[in-house]
Amino acid sequence: MLTPLASIARRWTPSPQTVRRAALSAVVMTVVIIVTGGAVRLTGSGLGCDTWPKCTEDSLFATPEQGIHGAIEFGNRLLTYVLSAAVGWSIIATRSTKPWRRGLTRLGWLQFWIVASNAVLGGIAVWTGLNPWTVAGHFIAANALLTVTVITWVRAGEGDGPPRPRVPGPVRRLGWALVAASAVLIVAGTGVTGSGEHAGDSSDVPRMPFDYTTVAQVHALFAWAVGAGAIAMFVALRVVDAPDDIRRRARDLLLVLVLQGGIGYVQYFTGVPEILVGAHMLGSALMWIAVLRLALSLRERPEVQAPAPVPAQPGDAALTAA
């Protein structure tokens, strides 16, 4: 008996463009959920729904008594279903490719399990009264989802052959070092958030036991390290005469980092206004996408070639007849 996915795959074959668009929809919705999750915190709506999975003890939905904060928090929860639909669409499209690309389908299911586990983690954050460590874990898990969706999107435009380098080994290692440094930068940013303002609710929400100024300065040092790495990568790609598309990705990363760094410093010296914090969260997601796309462009995966037919040999016809 066929599973529902196998049944759809038997009847439908999506074009390569459809598969990429499905994968891209999951990337876009992940960025949206990161930004709207930040909006929940920045508007003090983190406990707008005071329990989970329901919004109140007696209602699955936000009630008029919860006001605008309940509407904002519940609206963000609803967007999780839109994200799940995008991930589901990506799974269906990748499962229906001909020939079946098993690796892509597994990446789609990995997205599903991250979404499910992060929903539970978000519920734990509500149950613990927005404990900053669980909120930080919730954000990091969202970035883990962004990682997988971007990889799926890139892989959807490639073949399934073994990876082949497009630049020398030292440049590839620099690219992955840049990925690692950017990941540390994002994690360090949760320390700034967890120890600073905008705890997510007007109640007495606990904060991380760090000095905000010190943590912000450490975060800035990591940002400068990432910026230096991006400049080194841009120069190295020109020295080795890398393909134009890789150079464009390095240029795009530099542009994002300049804008992101500018927003970060302005928000720090202006008392971290909500609108700039939200813009900084969007910039963080765009930076991570740019870093991953750059690193993944340093290699290519060709289409798997079907084995060539074996030429007929003299005497085959006689053997067949026999």
C-alpha atoms as a PDB file:
ATOM      1  CA  MET A   1       0.000   0.000   0.000  1.00  0.00           C
ATOM      2  CA  LEU A   2       1.370   3.394  -1.027  1.00  0.00           C
ATOM      3  CA  THR A   3       1.891   6.172   1.493  1.00  0.00           C
ATOM      4  CA  PRO A   4       0.177   9.499   0.708  1.00  0.00           C
ATOM      5  CA  LEU A   5       3.505  11.018  -0.354  1.00  0.00           C
ATOM      6  CA  ALA A   6       4.321   8.067  -2.602  1.00  0.00           C
ATOM      7  CA  SER A   7       0.840   8.277  -4.118  1.00  0.00           C
ATOM      8  CA  ILE A   8       1.309  11.968  -4.942  1.00  0.00           C
ATOM      9  CA  ALA A   9       4.765  11.252  -6.344  1.00  0.00           C
ATOM     10  CA  ARG A  10       3.337   8.590  -8.640  1.00  0.00           C
ATOM     11  CA  ARG A  11       0.860  11.064 -10.160  1.00  0.00           C
ATOM     12  CA  TRP A  12       2.902  14.283 -10.234  1.00  0.00           C
ATOM     13  CA  THR A  13       6.380  15.295 -11.336  1.00  0.00           C
ATOM     14  CA  PRO A  14       7.333  18.868 -10.426  1.00  0.00           C
ATOM     15  CA  SER A  15       9.695  20.885 -12.604  1.00  0.00           C
ATOM     16  CA  PRO A  16      13.125  21.784 -11.165  1.00  0.00           C
ATOM     17  CA  GLN A  17      11.885  25.393 -10.844  1.00  0.00           C
ATOM     18  CA  THR A  18       8.911  24.237  -8.775  1.00  0.00           C
ATOM     19  CA  VAL A  19      11.164  22.287  -6.421  1.00  0.00           C
ATOM     20  CA  ARG A  20      13.419  25.321  -5.918  1.00  0.00           C
ATOM     21  CA  ARG A  21      10.456  27.624  -5.324  1.00  0.00           C
ATOM     22  CA  ALA A  22       9.047  25.205  -2.769  1.00  0.00           C
ATOM     23  CA  ALA A  23      12.406  25.117  -0.978  1.00  0.00           C
ATOM     24  CA  LEU A  24      12.653  28.921  -1.150  1.00  0.00           C
ATOM     25  CA  SER A  25       9.186  29.300   0.383  1.00  0.00           C
ATOM     26  CA  ALA A  26      10.461  27.495   3.491  1.00  0.00           C
ATOM     27  CA  VAL A  27      13.464  29.848   3.637  1.00  0.00           C
ATOM     28  CA  VAL A  28      11.225  32.929   3.380  1.00  0.00           C
ATOM     29  CA  MET A  29       8.779  31.718   6.009  1.00  0.00           C
ATOM     30  CA  THR A  30      11.627  30.890   8.391  1.00  0.00           C
ATOM     31  CA  VAL A  31      12.906  34.474   8.103  1.00  0.00           C
ATOM     32  CA  VAL A  32       9.353  35.737   8.658  1.00  0.00           C
ATOM     33  CA  ILE A  33       8.904  33.628  11.797  1.00  0.00           C
ATOM     34  CA  ILE A  34      12.250  34.853  13.171  1.00  0.00           C
ATOM     35  CA  VAL A  35      11.287  38.482  12.631  1.00  0.00           C
ATOM     36  CA  THR A  36       7.738  38.111  13.973  1.00  0.00           C
ATOM     37  CA  GLY A  37       9.065  36.183  16.960  1.00  0.00           C
ATOM     38  CA  GLY A  38      11.246  39.193  17.649  1.00  0.00           C
ATOM     39  CA  ALA A  39       8.202  41.445  17.300  1.00  0.00           C
ATOM     40  CA  VAL A  40       6.447  39.408  19.993  1.00  0.00           C
ATOM     41  CA  ARG A  41       9.304  40.084  22.388  1.00  0.00           C
ATOM     42  CA  LEU A  42       9.793  43.728  21.389  1.00  0.00           C
ATOM     43  CA  THR A  43       6.117  44.556  21.935  1.00  0.00           C
ATOM     44  CA  GLY A  44       6.110  42.897  25.364  1.00  0.00           C
ATOM     45  CA  SER A  45       3.709  40.224  24.121  1.00  0.00           C
ATOM     46  CA  GLY A  46       5.718  37.148  25.055  1.00  0.00           C
ATOM     47  CA  LEU A  47       3.147  36.155  27.672  1.00  0.00           C
ATOM     48  CA  GLY A  48       0.183  37.487  25.711  1.00  0.00           C
ATOM     49  CA  CYS A  49      -0.909  33.858  25.707  1.00  0.00           C
ATOM     50  CA  ASP A  50      -0.110  32.749  29.225  1.00  0.00           C
ATOM     51  CA  THR A  51       0.047  29.021  28.525  1.00  0.00           C
ATOM     52  CA  TRP A  52       0.736  26.526  25.732  1.00  0.00           C
ATOM     53  CA  PRO A  53      -0.513  24.879  23.534  1.00  0.00           C
ATOM     54  CA  LYS A  54      -3.692  26.759  24.402  1.00  0.00           C
ATOM     55  CA  CYS A  55      -3.677  30.538  24.626  1.00  0.00           C
ATOM     56  CA  THR A  56      -5.437  30.485  28.010  1.00  0.00           C
ATOM     57  CA  GLU A  57      -6.427  27.694  30.337  1.00  0.00           C
ATOM     58  CA  ASP A  58      -9.906  27.709  28.800  1.00  0.00           C
ATOM     59  CA  SER A  59      -9.367  28.841  25.218  1.00  0.00           C
ATOM     60  CA  LEU A  60      -7.260  27.725  22.292  1.00  0.00           C
ATOM     61  CA  PHE A  61      -7.575  31.222  20.838  1.00  0.00           C
ATOM     62  CA  ALA A  62      -6.713  34.685  22.126  1.00  0.00           C
ATOM     63  CA  THR A  63      -9.587  36.326  23.999  1.00  0.00           C
ATOM     64  CA  PRO A  64     -10.632  40.008  24.011  1.00  0.00           C
ATOM     65  CA  GLU A  65      -9.509  40.268  27.634  1.00  0.00           C
ATOM     66  CA  GLN A  66      -5.903  39.616  26.564  1.00  0.00           C
ATOM     67  CA  GLY A  67      -5.899  42.687  24.357  1.00  0.00           C
ATOM     68  CA  ILE A  68      -3.301  43.485  21.738  1.00  0.00           C
ATOM     69  CA  HIS A  69      -0.582  41.427  23.413  1.00  0.00           C
ATOM     70  CA  GLY A  70      -2.673  38.283  23.203  1.00  0.00           C
ATOM     71  CA  ALA A  71      -3.455  38.994  19.540  1.00  0.00           C
ATOM     72  CA  ILE A  72       0.235  39.471  18.698  1.00  0.00           C
ATOM     73  CA  GLU A  73       1.381  36.329  20.479  1.00  0.00           C
ATOM     74  CA  PHE A  74      -1.462  34.228  19.051  1.00  0.00           C
ATOM     75  CA  GLY A  75      -0.832  35.645  15.575  1.00  0.00           C
ATOM     76  CA  ASN A  76       2.774  34.510  15.764  1.00  0.00           C
ATOM     77  CA  ARG A  77       1.617  31.044  16.780  1.00  0.00           C
ATOM     78  CA  LEU A  78      -0.658  30.943  13.727  1.00  0.00           C
ATOM     79  CA  LEU A  79       2.303  31.777  11.497  1.00  0.00           C
ATOM     80  CA  THR A  80       3.876  28.534  12.662  1.00  0.00           C
ATOM     81  CA  TYR A  81       1.144  26.751  10.687  1.00  0.00           C
ATOM     82  CA  VAL A  82       2.028  28.781   7.594  1.00  0.00           C
ATOM     83  CA  LEU A  83       5.675  27.824   8.107  1.00  0.00           C
ATOM     84  CA  SER A  84       4.630  24.175   8.487  1.00  0.00           C
ATOM     85  CA  ALA A  85       2.678  24.419   5.229  1.00  0.00           C
ATOM     86  CA  ALA A  86       5.755  25.775   3.431  1.00  0.00           C
ATOM     87  CA  VAL A  87       7.882  22.961   4.844  1.00  0.00           C
ATOM     88  CA  GLY A  88       5.215  20.417   3.864  1.00  0.00           C
ATOM     89  CA  TRP A  89       5.107  21.825   0.345  1.00  0.00           C
ATOM     90  CA  SER A  90       8.896  21.461   0.138  1.00  0.00           C
ATOM     91  CA  ILE A  91       8.679  17.835   1.318  1.00  0.00           C
ATOM     92  CA  ILE A  92       5.988  16.980  -1.252  1.00  0.00           C
ATOM     93  CA  ALA A  93       7.894  18.648  -4.099  1.00  0.00           C
ATOM     94  CA  THR A  94      11.216  16.983  -3.293  1.00  0.00           C
ATOM     95  CA  ARG A  95       9.576  13.576  -2.784  1.00  0.00           C
ATOM     96  CA  SER A  96       7.895  13.849  -6.185  1.00  0.00           C
ATOM     97  CA  THR A  97      11.044  14.526  -8.219  1.00  0.00           C
ATOM     98  CA  LYS A  98      11.970  11.979 -10.880  1.00  0.00           C
ATOM     99  CA  PRO A  99      14.268  10.279 -10.169  1.00  0.00           C
ATOM    100  CA  TRP A 100      13.547  10.527  -6.463  1.00  0.00           C
ATOM    101  CA  ARG A 101      16.151  12.642  -4.651  1.00  0.00           C
ATOM    102  CA  ARG A 102      16.246  10.886  -1.315  1.00  0.00           C
ATOM    103  CA  GLY A 103      18.729  13.350   0.232  1.00  0.00           C
ATOM    104  CA  LEU A 104      16.487  16.331  -0.498  1.00  0.00           C
ATOM    105  CA  THR A 105      13.493  14.567   1.007  1.00  0.00           C
ATOM    106  CA  ARG A 106      15.447  13.845   4.180  1.00  0.00           C
ATOM    107  CA  LEU A 107      16.373  17.516   4.448  1.00  0.00           C
ATOM    108  CA  GLY A 108      12.679  18.358   4.158  1.00  0.00           C
ATOM    109  CA  TRP A 109      11.769  15.983   6.974  1.00  0.00           C
ATOM    110  CA  LEU A 110      14.581  17.413   9.085  1.00  0.00           C
ATOM    111  CA  GLN A 111      12.904  20.811   8.680  1.00  0.00           C
ATOM    112  CA  PHE A 112       9.641  19.305   9.886  1.00  0.00           C
ATOM    113  CA  TRP A 113      11.181  17.874  13.039  1.00  0.00           C
ATOM    114  CA  ILE A 114      12.974  21.139  13.844  1.00  0.00           C
ATOM    115  CA  VAL A 115       9.692  23.069  13.470  1.00  0.00           C
ATOM    116  CA  ALA A 116       7.910  20.593  15.754  1.00  0.00           C
ATOM    117  CA  SER A 117      10.627  20.591  18.412  1.00  0.00           C
ATOM    118  CA  ASN A 118      10.972  24.376  18.332  1.00  0.00           C
ATOM    119  CA  ALA A 119       7.223  24.765  18.839  1.00  0.00           C
ATOM    120  CA  VAL A 120       7.586  22.710  22.014  1.00  0.00           C
ATOM    121  CA  LEU A 121      10.602  24.795  23.039  1.00  0.00           C
ATOM    122  CA  GLY A 122       8.521  27.932  22.540  1.00  0.00           C
ATOM    123  CA  GLY A 123       5.879  26.433  24.790  1.00  0.00           C
ATOM    124  CA  ILE A 124       8.510  25.738  27.441  1.00  0.00           C
ATOM    125  CA  ALA A 125       9.603  29.379  27.200  1.00  0.00           C
ATOM    126  CA  VAL A 126       6.024  30.421  28.004  1.00  0.00           C
ATOM    127  CA  TRP A 127       5.702  27.890  30.844  1.00  0.00           C
ATOM    128  CA  THR A 128       8.935  29.193  32.406  1.00  0.00           C
ATOM    129  CA  GLY A 129       7.813  32.820  32.239  1.00  0.00           C
ATOM    130  CA  LEU A 130      10.192  33.700  29.374  1.00  0.00           C
ATOM    131  CA  ASN A 131      13.300  32.339  31.023  1.00  0.00           C
ATOM    132  CA  PRO A 132      16.078  33.948  28.929  1.00  0.00           C
ATOM    133  CA  TRP A 133      17.916  30.664  28.412  1.00  0.00           C
ATOM    134  CA  THR A 134      14.862  28.975  26.893  1.00  0.00           C
ATOM    135  CA  VAL A 135      14.156  32.070  24.789  1.00  0.00           C
ATOM    136  CA  ALA A 136      17.748  31.956  23.525  1.00  0.00           C
ATOM    137  CA  GLY A 137      17.359  28.259  22.725  1.00  0.00           C
ATOM    138  CA  HIS A 138      14.146  29.037  20.846  1.00  0.00           C
ATOM    139  CA  PHE A 139      15.998  31.594  18.701  1.00  0.00           C
ATOM    140  CA  ILE A 140      18.971  29.301  18.062  1.00  0.00           C
ATOM    141  CA  ALA A 141      16.614  26.498  16.991  1.00  0.00           C
ATOM    142  CA  ALA A 142      14.967  28.916  14.538  1.00  0.00           C
ATOM    143  CA  ASN A 143      18.395  29.590  13.057  1.00  0.00           C
ATOM    144  CA  ALA A 144      19.027  25.844  12.858  1.00  0.00           C
ATOM    145  CA  LEU A 145      15.852  25.625  10.793  1.00  0.00           C
ATOM    146  CA  LEU A 146      17.083  28.494   8.620  1.00  0.00           C
ATOM    147  CA  THR A 147      20.320  26.567   8.071  1.00  0.00           C
ATOM    148  CA  VAL A 148      18.519  23.464   6.830  1.00  0.00           C
ATOM    149  CA  THR A 149      16.085  25.398   4.624  1.00  0.00           C
ATOM    150  CA  VAL A 150      18.944  27.284   2.945  1.00  0.00           C
ATOM    151  CA  ILE A 151      20.884  24.057   2.360  1.00  0.00           C
ATOM    152  CA  THR A 152      17.747  22.483   0.880  1.00  0.00           C
ATOM    153  CA  TRP A 153      17.205  25.498  -1.374  1.00  0.00           C
ATOM    154  CA  VAL A 154      20.793  25.396  -2.645  1.00  0.00           C
ATOM    155  CA  ARG A 155      20.783  21.609  -3.070  1.00  0.00           C
ATOM    156  CA  ALA A 156      17.533  21.792  -5.041  1.00  0.00           C
ATOM    157  CA  GLY A 157      19.428  23.675  -7.746  1.00  0.00           C
ATOM    158  CA  GLU A 158      22.282  21.155  -7.877  1.00  0.00           C
ATOM    159  CA  GLY A 159      22.751  17.568  -8.906  1.00  0.00           C
ATOM    160  CA  ASP A 160      23.420  14.590  -6.648  1.00  0.00           C
ATOM    161  CA  GLY A 161      26.930  13.865  -7.856  1.00  0.00           C
ATOM    162  CA  PRO A 162      29.924  14.008  -5.502  1.00  0.00           C
ATOM    163  CA  PRO A 163      30.958  17.579  -4.579  1.00  0.00           C
ATOM    164  CA  ARG A 164      33.751  19.112  -6.637  1.00  0.00           C
ATOM    165  CA  PRO A 165      35.780  22.119  -5.424  1.00  0.00           C
ATOM    166  CA  ARG A 166      35.537  25.373  -7.360  1.00  0.00           C
ATOM    167  CA  VAL A 167      38.307  27.203  -5.483  1.00  0.00           C
ATOM    168  CA  PRO A 168      41.574  26.093  -3.827  1.00  0.00           C
ATOM    169  CA  GLY A 169      41.471  24.319  -0.481  1.00  0.00           C
ATOM    170  CA  PRO A 170      42.668  27.240   1.700  1.00  0.00           C
ATOM    171  CA  VAL A 171      39.862  29.441   0.348  1.00  0.00           C
ATOM    172  CA  ARG A 172      37.290  26.745   1.080  1.00  0.00           C
ATOM    173  CA  ARG A 173      38.587  26.411   4.627  1.00  0.00           C
ATOM    174  CA  LEU A 174      38.348  30.173   5.053  1.00  0.00           C
ATOM    175  CA  GLY A 175      34.744  29.997   3.900  1.00  0.00           C
ATOM    176  CA  TRP A 176      33.814  27.406   6.499  1.00  0.00           C
ATOM    177  CA  ALA A 177      35.751  29.274   9.184  1.00  0.00           C
ATOM    178  CA  LEU A 178      33.563  32.243   8.313  1.00  0.00           C
ATOM    179  CA  VAL A 179      30.473  30.062   8.818  1.00  0.00           C
ATOM    180  CA  ALA A 180      31.742  28.986  12.252  1.00  0.00           C
ATOM    181  CA  ALA A 181      32.542  32.565  13.287  1.00  0.00           C
ATOM    182  CA  SER A 182      29.110  33.737  12.151  1.00  0.00           C
ATOM    183  CA  ALA A 183      27.434  30.984  14.169  1.00  0.00           C
ATOM    184  CA  VAL A 184      29.347  32.106  17.270  1.00  0.00           C
ATOM    185  CA  LEU A 185      28.309  35.693  16.536  1.00  0.00           C
ATOM    186  CA  ILE A 186      24.623  34.704  16.431  1.00  0.00           C
ATOM    187  CA  VAL A 187      24.887  32.741  19.681  1.00  0.00           C
ATOM    188  CA  ALA A 188      26.700  35.664  21.337  1.00  0.00           C
ATOM    189  CA  GLY A 189      23.841  37.896  20.245  1.00  0.00           C
ATOM    190  CA  THR A 190      21.443  35.865  22.387  1.00  0.00           C
ATOM    191  CA  GLY A 191      23.572  36.848  25.393  1.00  0.00           C
ATOM    192  CA  VAL A 192      23.078  40.520  24.547  1.00  0.00           C
ATOM    193  CA  THR A 193      19.346  39.976  24.231  1.00  0.00           C
ATOM    194  CA  GLY A 194      19.109  37.840  27.360  1.00  0.00           C
ATOM    195  CA  SER A 195      20.916  40.325  29.568  1.00  0.00           C
ATOM    196  CA  GLY A 196      19.530  43.577  28.155  1.00  0.00           C
ATOM    197  CA  GLU A 197      16.203  45.271  27.644  1.00  0.00           C
ATOM    198  CA  HIS A 198      13.092  43.971  25.879  1.00  0.00           C
ATOM    199  CA  ALA A 199      12.638  40.890  28.043  1.00  0.00           C
ATOM    200  CA  GLY A 200       9.403  40.068  26.235  1.00  0.00           C
ATOM    201  CA  ASP A 201       6.825  41.053  28.844  1.00  0.00           C
ATOM    202  CA  SER A 202       6.088  43.869  31.255  1.00  0.00           C
ATOM    203  CA  SER A 203       6.228  41.497  34.229  1.00  0.00           C
ATOM    204  CA  ASP A 204       9.356  40.753  36.236  1.00  0.00           C
ATOM    205  CA  VAL A 205      11.099  38.533  33.679  1.00  0.00           C
ATOM    206  CA  PRO A 206      14.492  37.158  34.807  1.00  0.00           C
ATOM    207  CA  ARG A 207      17.598  38.132  32.833  1.00  0.00           C
ATOM    208  CA  MET A 208      20.898  36.389  32.180  1.00  0.00           C
ATOM    209  CA  PRO A 209      23.507  37.127  34.888  1.00  0.00           C
ATOM    210  CA  PHE A 210      25.798  39.095  32.563  1.00  0.00           C
ATOM    211  CA  ASP A 211      26.729  42.749  32.381  1.00  0.00           C
ATOM    212  CA  TYR A 212      24.917  44.067  29.328  1.00  0.00           C
ATOM    213  CA  THR A 213      27.676  46.470  28.263  1.00  0.00           C
ATOM    214  CA  THR A 214      30.368  43.794  28.480  1.00  0.00           C
ATOM    215  CA  VAL A 215      28.321  41.231  26.560  1.00  0.00           C
ATOM    216  CA  ALA A 216      27.490  43.790  23.876  1.00  0.00           C
ATOM    217  CA  GLN A 217      31.182  44.620  23.481  1.00  0.00           C
ATOM    218  CA  VAL A 218      32.089  40.934  23.179  1.00  0.00           C
ATOM    219  CA  HIS A 219      29.365  40.567  20.562  1.00  0.00           C
ATOM    220  CA  ALA A 220      30.841  43.534  18.679  1.00  0.00           C
ATOM    221  CA  LEU A 221      34.296  41.902  18.737  1.00  0.00           C
ATOM    222  CA  PHE A 222      32.877  38.771  17.115  1.00  0.00           C
ATOM    223  CA  ALA A 223      31.139  41.000  14.558  1.00  0.00           C
ATOM    224  CA  TRP A 224      34.457  42.642  13.675  1.00  0.00           C
ATOM    225  CA  ALA A 225      36.040  39.179  13.338  1.00  0.00           C
ATOM    226  CA  VAL A 226      33.310  38.107  10.924  1.00  0.00           C
ATOM    227  CA  GLY A 227      33.738  41.341   8.994  1.00  0.00           C
ATOM    228  CA  ALA A 228      37.493  40.819   8.750  1.00  0.00           C
ATOM    229  CA  GLY A 229      36.912  37.256   7.549  1.00  0.00           C
ATOM    230  CA  ALA A 230      34.457  38.451   4.909  1.00  0.00           C
ATOM    231  CA  ILE A 231      36.970  41.018   3.621  1.00  0.00           C
ATOM    232  CA  ALA A 232      39.706  38.371   3.530  1.00  0.00           C
ATOM    233  CA  MET A 233      37.379  36.067   1.587  1.00  0.00           C
ATOM    234  CA  PHE A 234      36.493  38.832  -0.890  1.00  0.00           C
ATOM    235  CA  VAL A 235      40.188  39.523  -1.536  1.00  0.00           C
ATOM    236  CA  ALA A 236      41.129  35.826  -1.710  1.00  0.00           C
ATOM    237  CA  LEU A 237      38.442  35.124  -4.307  1.00  0.00           C
ATOM    238  CA  ARG A 238      39.876  37.849  -6.523  1.00  0.00           C
ATOM    239  CA  VAL A 239      43.425  36.561  -6.079  1.00  0.00           C
ATOM    240  CA  VAL A 240      42.469  33.023  -7.160  1.00  0.00           C
ATOM    241  CA  ASP A 241      40.230  34.357  -9.946  1.00  0.00           C
ATOM    242  CA  ALA A 242      37.145  32.603  -8.577  1.00  0.00           C
ATOM    243  CA  PRO A 243      33.990  32.331 -10.714  1.00  0.00           C
ATOM    244  CA  ASP A 244      31.846  35.467 -10.896  1.00  0.00           C
ATOM    245  CA  ASP A 245      28.892  34.003  -8.976  1.00  0.00           C
ATOM    246  CA  ILE A 246      31.108  33.255  -5.948  1.00  0.00           C
ATOM    247  CA  ARG A 247      32.486  36.796  -6.016  1.00  0.00           C
ATOM    248  CA  ARG A 248      28.961  38.190  -6.100  1.00  0.00           C
ATOM    249  CA  ARG A 249      28.027  36.185  -3.023  1.00  0.00           C
ATOM    250  CA  ALA A 250      31.099  37.517  -1.202  1.00  0.00           C
ATOM    251  CA  ARG A 251      30.136  41.063  -2.203  1.00  0.00           C
ATOM    252  CA  ASP A 252      26.549  40.521  -1.023  1.00  0.00           C
ATOM    253  CA  LEU A 253      27.829  39.284   2.336  1.00  0.00           C
ATOM    254  CA  LEU A 254      29.966  42.385   2.774  1.00  0.00           C
ATOM    255  CA  LEU A 255      27.011  44.650   2.012  1.00  0.00           C
ATOM    256  CA  VAL A 256      24.813  42.844   4.540  1.00  0.00           C
ATOM    257  CA  LEU A 257      27.545  43.034   7.185  1.00  0.00           C
ATOM    258  CA  VAL A 258      28.043  46.770   6.670  1.00  0.00           C
ATOM    259  CA  LEU A 259      24.315  47.424   7.059  1.00  0.00           C
ATOM    260  CA  GLN A 260      24.010  45.028   9.988  1.00  0.00           C
ATOM    261  CA  GLY A 261      26.996  46.540  11.770  1.00  0.00           C
ATOM    262  CA  GLY A 262      25.656  50.054  11.253  1.00  0.00           C
ATOM    263  CA  ILE A 263      22.271  49.100  12.696  1.00  0.00           C
ATOM    264  CA  GLY A 264      23.951  47.374  15.643  1.00  0.00           C
ATOM    265  CA  TYR A 265      26.006  50.397  16.635  1.00  0.00           C
ATOM    266  CA  VAL A 266      23.147  52.857  16.142  1.00  0.00           C
ATOM    267  CA  GLN A 267      20.788  50.773  18.302  1.00  0.00           C
ATOM    268  CA  TYR A 268      23.457  50.451  21.024  1.00  0.00           C
ATOM    269  CA  PHE A 269      24.091  54.190  21.255  1.00  0.00           C
ATOM    270  CA  THR A 270      20.401  55.177  20.995  1.00  0.00           C
ATOM    271  CA  GLY A 271      19.095  52.984  23.816  1.00  0.00           C
ATOM    272  CA  VAL A 272      18.131  49.918  21.719  1.00  0.00           C
ATOM    273  CA  PRO A 273      14.841  51.212  20.247  1.00  0.00           C
ATOM    274  CA  GLU A 274      12.450  48.442  19.253  1.00  0.00           C
ATOM    275  CA  ILE A 275      12.370  49.214  15.542  1.00  0.00           C
ATOM    276  CA  LEU A 276      16.156  48.981  15.234  1.00  0.00           C
ATOM    277  CA  VAL A 277      16.298  45.774  17.263  1.00  0.00           C
ATOM    278  CA  GLY A 278      13.760  44.259  14.874  1.00  0.00           C
ATOM    279  CA  ALA A 279      15.802  45.415  11.885  1.00  0.00           C
ATOM    280  CA  HIS A 280      18.913  43.905  13.488  1.00  0.00           C
ATOM    281  CA  MET A 281      17.142  40.543  13.826  1.00  0.00           C
ATOM    282  CA  LEU A 282      16.203  40.643  10.143  1.00  0.00           C
ATOM    283  CA  GLY A 283      19.803  41.535   9.328  1.00  0.00           C
ATOM    284  CA  SER A 284      21.020  38.588  11.386  1.00  0.00           C
ATOM    285  CA  ALA A 285      18.905  36.183   9.324  1.00  0.00           C
ATOM    286  CA  LEU A 286      20.035  37.738   6.033  1.00  0.00           C
ATOM    287  CA  MET A 287      23.665  37.580   7.149  1.00  0.00           C
ATOM    288  CA  TRP A 288      23.369  33.883   7.975  1.00  0.00           C
ATOM    289  CA  ILE A 289      21.775  33.164   4.595  1.00  0.00           C
ATOM    290  CA  ALA A 290      24.554  35.074   2.812  1.00  0.00           C
ATOM    291  CA  VAL A 291      27.285  33.241   4.734  1.00  0.00           C
ATOM    292  CA  LEU A 292      25.792  29.818   3.999  1.00  0.00           C
ATOM    293  CA  ARG A 293      25.237  30.558   0.299  1.00  0.00           C
ATOM    294  CA  LEU A 294      28.816  31.762  -0.032  1.00  0.00           C
ATOM    295  CA  ALA A 295      30.253  28.657   1.649  1.00  0.00           C
ATOM    296  CA  LEU A 296      28.067  26.299  -0.393  1.00  0.00           C
ATOM    297  CA  SER A 297      29.021  28.034  -3.647  1.00  0.00           C
ATOM    298  CA  LEU A 298      32.675  27.097  -3.088  1.00  0.00           C
ATOM    299  CA  ARG A 299      31.859  23.618  -4.376  1.00  0.00           C
ATOM    300  CA  GLU A 300      29.485  22.208  -6.967  1.00  0.00           C
ATOM    301  CA  ARG A 301      27.542  18.984  -7.306  1.00  0.00           C
ATOM    302  CA  PRO A 302      26.922  17.861 -10.887  1.00  0.00           C
ATOM    303  CA  GLU A 303      23.997  15.825 -12.100  1.00  0.00           C
ATOM    304  CA  VAL A 304      24.418  12.087 -11.745  1.00  0.00           C
ATOM    305  CA  GLN A 305      24.996  10.689 -15.192  1.00  0.00           C
ATOM    306  CA  ALA A 306      23.061   7.591 -16.145  1.00  0.00           C
ATOM    307  CA  PRO A 307      25.348   4.695 -17.070  1.00  0.00           C
ATOM    308  CA  ALA A 308      25.985   4.482 -20.791  1.00  0.00           C
ATOM    309  CA  PRO A 309      24.465   1.471 -22.539  1.00  0.00           C
ATOM    310  CA  VAL A 310      26.898  -1.355 -23.197  1.00  0.00           C
ATOM    311  CA  PRO A 311      27.623  -1.609 -26.947  1.00  0.00           C
ATOM    312  CA  ALA A 312      26.358  -4.760 -28.554  1.00  0.00           C
ATOM    313  CA  GLN A 313      29.082  -7.342 -29.148  1.00  0.00           C
ATOM    314  CA  PRO A 314      29.354  -9.737 -32.051  1.00  0.00           C
ATOM    315  CA  GLY A 315      27.539 -12.939 -31.288  1.00  0.00           C
ATOM    316  CA  ASP A 316      25.006 -11.324 -28.884  1.00  0.00           C
ATOM    317  CA  ALA A 317      22.158 -11.938 -31.316  1.00  0.00           C
ATOM    318  CA  ALA A 318      23.087 -15.578 -31.664  1.00  0.00           C
ATOM    319  CA  LEU A 319      23.277 -15.986 -27.881  1.00  0.00           C
ATOM    320  CA  THR A 320      19.873 -14.317 -27.527  1.00  0.00           C
ATOM    321  CA  ALA A 321      18.350 -16.613 -30.093  1.00  0.00           C
ATOM    322  CA  ALA A 322      19.868 -19.606 -28.360  1.00  0.00           C
END
